[in-house]
PDB file of N, CA and C in Angstrom:
ATOM      1  N   MET A   1     224.134  47.879 145.718  1.00  0.00           N
ATOM      2  CA  MET A   1     224.612  46.750 146.506  1.00  0.00           C
ATOM      3  C   MET A   1     223.292  46.388 147.384  1.00  0.00           C
ATOM      4  N   ASP A   2     223.327  45.078 147.748  1.00  0.00           N
ATOM      5  CA  ASP A   2     222.137  44.649 148.457  1.00  0.00           C
ATOM      6  C   ASP A   2     222.521  44.335 149.927  1.00  0.00           C
ATOM      7  N   ILE A   3     223.479  44.915 150.423  1.00  0.00           N
ATOM      8  CA  ILE A   3     223.947  44.643 151.835  1.00  0.00           C
ATOM      9  C   ILE A   3     222.849  44.880 152.886  1.00  0.00           C
ATOM     10  N   LEU A   4     222.080  45.996 152.786  1.00  0.00           N
ATOM     11  CA  LEU A   4     221.081  46.328 153.892  1.00  0.00           C
ATOM     12  C   LEU A   4     219.857  45.484 153.601  1.00  0.00           C
ATOM     13  N   PHE A   5     219.631  45.074 152.397  1.00  0.00           N
ATOM     14  CA  PHE A   5     218.410  44.181 152.219  1.00  0.00           C
ATOM     15  C   PHE A   5     218.695  42.852 152.675  1.00  0.00           C
ATOM     16  N   ILE A   6     219.897  42.326 152.384  1.00  0.00           N
ATOM     17  CA  ILE A   6     220.296  41.025 152.939  1.00  0.00           C
ATOM     18  C   ILE A   6     220.326  40.991 154.407  1.00  0.00           C
ATOM     19  N   TYR A   7     220.970  42.007 155.014  1.00  0.00           N
ATOM     20  CA  TYR A   7     221.010  42.277 156.455  1.00  0.00           C
ATOM     21  C   TYR A   7     219.607  42.099 157.062  1.00  0.00           C
ATOM     22  N   SER A   8     218.650  42.789 156.362  1.00  0.00           N
ATOM     23  CA  SER A   8     217.306  42.928 156.945  1.00  0.00           C
ATOM     24  C   SER A   8     216.645  41.648 156.828  1.00  0.00           C
ATOM     25  N   LYS A   9     216.848  40.804 155.758  1.00  0.00           N
ATOM     26  CA  LYS A   9     216.332  39.548 155.660  1.00  0.00           C
ATOM     27  C   LYS A   9     216.793  38.556 156.662  1.00  0.00           C
ATOM     28  N   LEU A  10     218.158  38.625 156.978  1.00  0.00           N
ATOM     29  CA  LEU A  10     218.827  37.674 157.820  1.00  0.00           C
ATOM     30  C   LEU A  10     218.643  38.041 159.234  1.00  0.00           C
ATOM     31  N   ASN A  11     218.064  39.272 159.544  1.00  0.00           N
ATOM     32  CA  ASN A  11     217.866  39.703 160.962  1.00  0.00           C
ATOM     33  C   ASN A  11     216.451  40.385 161.008  1.00  0.00           C
ATOM     34  N   PRO A  12     215.418  39.616 160.852  1.00  0.00           N
ATOM     35  CA  PRO A  12     214.110  40.061 160.940  1.00  0.00           C
ATOM     36  C   PRO A  12     213.674  40.748 162.164  1.00  0.00           C
ATOM     37  N   ASP A  13     214.342  40.397 163.297  1.00  0.00           N
ATOM     38  CA  ASP A  13     214.007  41.015 164.499  1.00  0.00           C
ATOM     39  C   ASP A  13     214.471  42.539 164.618  1.00  0.00           C
ATOM     40  N   THR A  14     215.527  42.831 163.787  1.00  0.00           N
ATOM     41  CA  THR A  14     216.064  44.188 163.806  1.00  0.00           C
ATOM     42  C   THR A  14     215.486  44.803 162.536  1.00  0.00           C
ATOM     43  N   GLY A  15     215.587  44.265 161.383  1.00  0.00           N
ATOM     44  CA  GLY A  15     215.069  44.725 160.172  1.00  0.00           C
ATOM     45  C   GLY A  15     215.915  45.991 159.779  1.00  0.00           C
ATOM     46  N   TYR A  16     215.408  46.769 158.849  1.00  0.00           N
ATOM     47  CA  TYR A  16     216.049  47.949 158.483  1.00  0.00           C
ATOM     48  C   TYR A  16     215.632  49.158 159.255  1.00  0.00           C
ATOM     49  N   ARG A  17     216.588  49.927 159.747  1.00  0.00           N
ATOM     50  CA  ARG A  17     216.236  51.095 160.548  1.00  0.00           C
ATOM     51  C   ARG A  17     216.840  52.435 159.847  1.00  0.00           C
ATOM     52  N   GLN A  18     216.010  53.451 159.995  1.00  0.00           N
ATOM     53  CA  GLN A  18     216.453  54.671 159.342  1.00  0.00           C
ATOM     54  C   GLN A  18     217.796  54.954 159.762  1.00  0.00           C
ATOM     55  N   GLY A  19     218.707  55.316 158.796  1.00  0.00           N
ATOM     56  CA  GLY A  19     220.082  55.789 159.043  1.00  0.00           C
ATOM     57  C   GLY A  19     221.093  54.720 158.889  1.00  0.00           C
ATOM     58  N   MET A  20     220.678  53.541 158.682  1.00  0.00           N
ATOM     59  CA  MET A  20     221.664  52.368 158.595  1.00  0.00           C
ATOM     60  C   MET A  20     222.557  52.681 157.328  1.00  0.00           C
ATOM     61  N   HIS A  21     221.979  53.243 156.329  1.00  0.00           N
ATOM     62  CA  HIS A  21     222.802  53.548 155.196  1.00  0.00           C
ATOM     63  C   HIS A  21     223.856  54.573 155.405  1.00  0.00           C
ATOM     64  N   GLU A  22     223.650  55.453 156.338  1.00  0.00           N
ATOM     65  CA  GLU A  22     224.553  56.374 156.808  1.00  0.00           C
ATOM     66  C   GLU A  22     225.801  55.877 157.564  1.00  0.00           C
ATOM     67  N   ILE A  23     225.550  54.630 158.205  1.00  0.00           N
ATOM     68  CA  ILE A  23     226.596  53.938 158.806  1.00  0.00           C
ATOM     69  C   ILE A  23     227.413  53.049 157.864  1.00  0.00           C
ATOM     70  N   LEU A  24     226.709  52.525 156.944  1.00  0.00           N
ATOM     71  CA  LEU A  24     227.302  51.568 155.943  1.00  0.00           C
ATOM     72  C   LEU A  24     228.103  52.348 154.863  1.00  0.00           C
ATOM     73  N   ALA A  25     227.728  53.536 154.507  1.00  0.00           N
ATOM     74  CA  ALA A  25     228.413  54.264 153.465  1.00  0.00           C
ATOM     75  C   ALA A  25     229.800  54.461 153.573  1.00  0.00           C
ATOM     76  N   PRO A  26     230.226  54.956 154.972  1.00  0.00           N
ATOM     77  CA  PRO A  26     231.662  55.200 155.152  1.00  0.00           C
ATOM     78  C   PRO A  26     232.499  53.816 155.043  1.00  0.00           C
ATOM     79  N   VAL A  27     231.845  52.846 155.525  1.00  0.00           N
ATOM     80  CA  VAL A  27     232.551  51.419 155.614  1.00  0.00           C
ATOM     81  C   VAL A  27     232.806  51.060 154.211  1.00  0.00           C
ATOM     82  N   LEU A  28     231.822  51.100 153.274  1.00  0.00           N
ATOM     83  CA  LEU A  28     231.981  50.805 151.836  1.00  0.00           C
ATOM     84  C   LEU A  28     232.968  51.583 151.143  1.00  0.00           C
ATOM     85  N   TRP A  29     232.921  52.889 151.530  1.00  0.00           N
ATOM     86  CA  TRP A  29     233.981  53.810 151.061  1.00  0.00           C
ATOM     87  C   TRP A  29     235.282  53.381 151.265  1.00  0.00           C
ATOM     88  N   VAL A  30     235.624  53.045 152.599  1.00  0.00           N
ATOM     89  CA  VAL A  30     236.964  52.563 152.910  1.00  0.00           C
ATOM     90  C   VAL A  30     237.383  51.252 152.272  1.00  0.00           C
ATOM     91  N   VAL A  31     236.421  50.289 152.143  1.00  0.00           N
ATOM     92  CA  VAL A  31     236.653  49.108 151.602  1.00  0.00           C
ATOM     93  C   VAL A  31     237.077  49.298 150.032  1.00  0.00           C
ATOM     94  N   TYR A  32     236.261  50.148 149.388  1.00  0.00           N
ATOM     95  CA  TYR A  32     236.528  50.489 148.006  1.00  0.00           C
ATOM     96  C   TYR A  32     237.825  51.254 147.775  1.00  0.00           C
ATOM     97  N   GLN A  33     238.220  52.140 148.689  1.00  0.00           N
ATOM     98  CA  GLN A  33     239.424  52.928 148.589  1.00  0.00           C
ATOM     99  C   GLN A  33     240.617  52.082 148.915  1.00  0.00           C
ATOM    100  N   ASP A  34     240.533  50.941 149.662  1.00  0.00           N
ATOM    101  CA  ASP A  34     241.598  50.082 150.038  1.00  0.00           C
ATOM    102  C   ASP A  34     241.859  49.005 148.881  1.00  0.00           C
ATOM    103  N   SER A  35     240.827  48.847 148.009  1.00  0.00           N
ATOM    104  CA  SER A  35     240.909  47.761 146.907  1.00  0.00           C
ATOM    105  C   SER A  35     242.064  48.149 145.992  1.00  0.00           C
ATOM    106  N   VAL A  36     242.549  47.250 145.398  1.00  0.00           N
ATOM    107  CA  VAL A  36     243.786  47.243 144.367  1.00  0.00           C
ATOM    108  C   VAL A  36     243.274  46.661 143.089  1.00  0.00           C
ATOM    109  N   ASP A  37     243.576  47.416 142.046  1.00  0.00           N
ATOM    110  CA  ASP A  37     243.339  46.835 140.707  1.00  0.00           C
ATOM    111  C   ASP A  37     244.536  45.920 140.423  1.00  0.00           C
ATOM    112  N   VAL A  38     244.403  44.679 140.444  1.00  0.00           N
ATOM    113  CA  VAL A  38     245.433  43.657 140.168  1.00  0.00           C
ATOM    114  C   VAL A  38     246.235  43.959 138.760  1.00  0.00           C
ATOM    115  N   ARG A  39     245.550  44.400 137.890  1.00  0.00           N
ATOM    116  CA  ARG A  39     246.288  44.718 136.596  1.00  0.00           C
ATOM    117  C   ARG A  39     247.260  45.845 136.705  1.00  0.00           C
ATOM    118  N   SER A  40     247.136  46.672 137.797  1.00  0.00           N
ATOM    119  CA  SER A  40     247.971  47.720 137.883  1.00  0.00           C
ATOM    120  C   SER A  40     249.355  47.411 138.598  1.00  0.00           C
ATOM    121  N   ILE A  41     249.516  46.309 139.048  1.00  0.00           N
ATOM    122  CA  ILE A  41     250.749  45.794 139.722  1.00  0.00           C
ATOM    123  C   ILE A  41     251.668  45.156 138.656  1.00  0.00           C
ATOM    124  N   SER A  42     252.818  45.535 138.727  1.00  0.00           N
ATOM    125  CA  SER A  42     253.842  45.056 137.592  1.00  0.00           C
ATOM    126  C   SER A  42     254.260  43.678 138.094  1.00  0.00           C
ATOM    127  N   GLU A  43     254.724  42.949 137.144  1.00  0.00           N
ATOM    128  CA  GLU A  43     255.086  41.659 137.427  1.00  0.00           C
ATOM    129  C   GLU A  43     256.385  41.537 138.389  1.00  0.00           C
ATOM    130  N   GLY A  44     257.180  42.439 138.310  1.00  0.00           N
ATOM    131  CA  GLY A  44     258.318  42.618 139.234  1.00  0.00           C
ATOM    132  C   GLY A  44     257.862  42.735 140.641  1.00  0.00           C
ATOM    133  N   LYS A  45     256.788  43.601 140.963  1.00  0.00           N
ATOM    134  CA  LYS A  45     256.256  43.842 142.351  1.00  0.00           C
ATOM    135  C   LYS A  45     255.663  42.421 142.880  1.00  0.00           C
ATOM    136  N   ARG A  46     255.036  41.599 141.903  1.00  0.00           N
ATOM    137  CA  ARG A  46     254.387  40.464 142.366  1.00  0.00           C
ATOM    138  C   ARG A  46     255.331  39.459 143.066  1.00  0.00           C
ATOM    139  N   ASP A  47     256.650  39.515 142.746  1.00  0.00           N
ATOM    140  CA  ASP A  47     257.585  38.667 143.409  1.00  0.00           C
ATOM    141  C   ASP A  47     257.909  39.021 144.801  1.00  0.00           C
ATOM    142  N   GLU A  48     257.559  40.226 145.259  1.00  0.00           N
ATOM    143  CA  GLU A  48     257.986  40.595 146.652  1.00  0.00           C
ATOM    144  C   GLU A  48     257.109  39.786 147.577  1.00  0.00           C
ATOM    145  N   GLU A  49     257.663  39.567 148.875  1.00  0.00           N
ATOM    146  CA  GLU A  49     257.012  38.733 149.840  1.00  0.00           C
ATOM    147  C   GLU A  49     255.636  39.461 150.260  1.00  0.00           C
ATOM    148  N   GLY A  50     254.540  38.596 150.324  1.00  0.00           N
ATOM    149  CA  GLY A  50     253.275  39.155 150.801  1.00  0.00           C
ATOM    150  C   GLY A  50     252.431  39.839 149.742  1.00  0.00           C
ATOM    151  N   VAL A  51     253.013  40.085 148.508  1.00  0.00           N
ATOM    152  CA  VAL A  51     252.190  40.675 147.509  1.00  0.00           C
ATOM    153  C   VAL A  51     251.079  39.987 147.016  1.00  0.00           C
ATOM    154  N   ASP A  52     251.339  38.628 146.798  1.00  0.00           N
ATOM    155  CA  ASP A  52     250.317  37.735 146.243  1.00  0.00           C
ATOM    156  C   ASP A  52     249.142  37.759 147.169  1.00  0.00           C
ATOM    157  N   PHE A  53     249.413  37.674 148.601  1.00  0.00           N
ATOM    158  CA  PHE A  53     248.398  37.629 149.678  1.00  0.00           C
ATOM    159  C   PHE A  53     247.532  38.955 149.604  1.00  0.00           C
ATOM    160  N   MET A  54     248.182  40.064 149.422  1.00  0.00           N
ATOM    161  CA  MET A  54     247.594  41.369 149.466  1.00  0.00           C
ATOM    162  C   MET A  54     246.700  41.536 148.215  1.00  0.00           C
ATOM    163  N   LEU A  55     247.215  41.054 147.075  1.00  0.00           N
ATOM    164  CA  LEU A  55     246.433  41.202 145.832  1.00  0.00           C
ATOM    165  C   LEU A  55     245.195  40.348 146.046  1.00  0.00           C
ATOM    166  N   GLU A  56     245.234  39.248 146.656  1.00  0.00           N
ATOM    167  CA  GLU A  56     244.109  38.328 146.764  1.00  0.00           C
ATOM    168  C   GLU A  56     243.042  39.031 147.809  1.00  0.00           C
ATOM    169  N   VAL A  57     243.532  39.543 148.829  1.00  0.00           N
ATOM    170  CA  VAL A  57     242.689  40.197 149.872  1.00  0.00           C
ATOM    171  C   VAL A  57     242.045  41.499 149.321  1.00  0.00           C
ATOM    172  N   LEU A  58     242.749  42.315 148.648  1.00  0.00           N
ATOM    173  CA  LEU A  58     242.362  43.595 148.227  1.00  0.00           C
ATOM    174  C   LEU A  58     241.947  43.757 146.822  1.00  0.00           C
ATOM    175  N   ASP A  59     241.690  42.605 146.184  1.00  0.00           N
ATOM    176  CA  ASP A  59     241.291  42.587 144.747  1.00  0.00           C
ATOM    177  C   ASP A  59     239.974  43.463 144.466  1.00  0.00           C
ATOM    178  N   SER A  60     240.158  44.461 143.671  1.00  0.00           N
ATOM    179  CA  SER A  60     238.986  45.280 143.494  1.00  0.00           C
ATOM    180  C   SER A  60     237.767  44.681 142.805  1.00  0.00           C
ATOM    181  N   THR A  61     237.989  43.583 142.202  1.00  0.00           N
ATOM    182  CA  THR A  61     236.868  42.945 141.479  1.00  0.00           C
ATOM    183  C   THR A  61     235.993  42.144 142.557  1.00  0.00           C
ATOM    184  N   HIS A  62     236.468  42.130 143.784  1.00  0.00           N
ATOM    185  CA  HIS A  62     235.598  41.437 144.850  1.00  0.00           C
ATOM    186  C   HIS A  62     235.138  42.389 145.763  1.00  0.00           C
ATOM    187  N   VAL A  63     235.176  43.667 145.592  1.00  0.00           N
ATOM    188  CA  VAL A  63     234.742  44.788 146.491  1.00  0.00           C
ATOM    189  C   VAL A  63     233.251  44.522 147.005  1.00  0.00           C
ATOM    190  N   GLU A  64     232.393  44.289 146.039  1.00  0.00           N
ATOM    191  CA  GLU A  64     230.957  44.178 146.470  1.00  0.00           C
ATOM    192  C   GLU A  64     230.761  42.907 147.255  1.00  0.00           C
ATOM    193  N   ALA A  65     231.417  41.834 146.840  1.00  0.00           N
ATOM    194  CA  ALA A  65     231.186  40.556 147.612  1.00  0.00           C
ATOM    195  C   ALA A  65     231.770  40.709 149.037  1.00  0.00           C
ATOM    196  N   ASP A  66     232.951  41.451 149.181  1.00  0.00           N
ATOM    197  CA  ASP A  66     233.478  41.544 150.528  1.00  0.00           C
ATOM    198  C   ASP A  66     232.653  42.330 151.264  1.00  0.00           C
ATOM    199  N   GLY A  67     232.027  43.391 150.756  1.00  0.00           N
ATOM    200  CA  GLY A  67     231.103  44.372 151.468  1.00  0.00           C
ATOM    201  C   GLY A  67     229.838  43.535 152.049  1.00  0.00           C
ATOM    202  N   LYS A  68     229.499  42.508 151.404  1.00  0.00           N
ATOM    203  CA  LYS A  68     228.238  41.687 151.847  1.00  0.00           C
ATOM    204  C   LYS A  68     228.718  40.892 153.164  1.00  0.00           C
ATOM    205  N   HIS A  69     230.014  40.701 153.413  1.00  0.00           N
ATOM    206  CA  HIS A  69     230.429  39.976 154.595  1.00  0.00           C
ATOM    207  C   HIS A  69     230.721  40.762 155.700  1.00  0.00           C
ATOM    208  N   LEU A  70     230.498  42.056 155.691  1.00  0.00           N
ATOM    209  CA  LEU A  70     230.792  43.120 156.770  1.00  0.00           C
ATOM    210  C   LEU A  70     229.862  42.866 157.954  1.00  0.00           C
TER     211      LEU A  70
END
């Protein structure tokens, strides 16, 4: 993942500081743990209210892209 590299490029006054990866790692872990594999949800469950929204927000195929917006 390029999160820290991109952050450093976008914030040259701060740049990378030692230990930033230790702060980022738990955040990424939580994002990954909250993600949902869309294929694992049955068609019957998809009809329930709010499921489409949650599947879009927590889609596991977008974990890396979501992490770059933290």
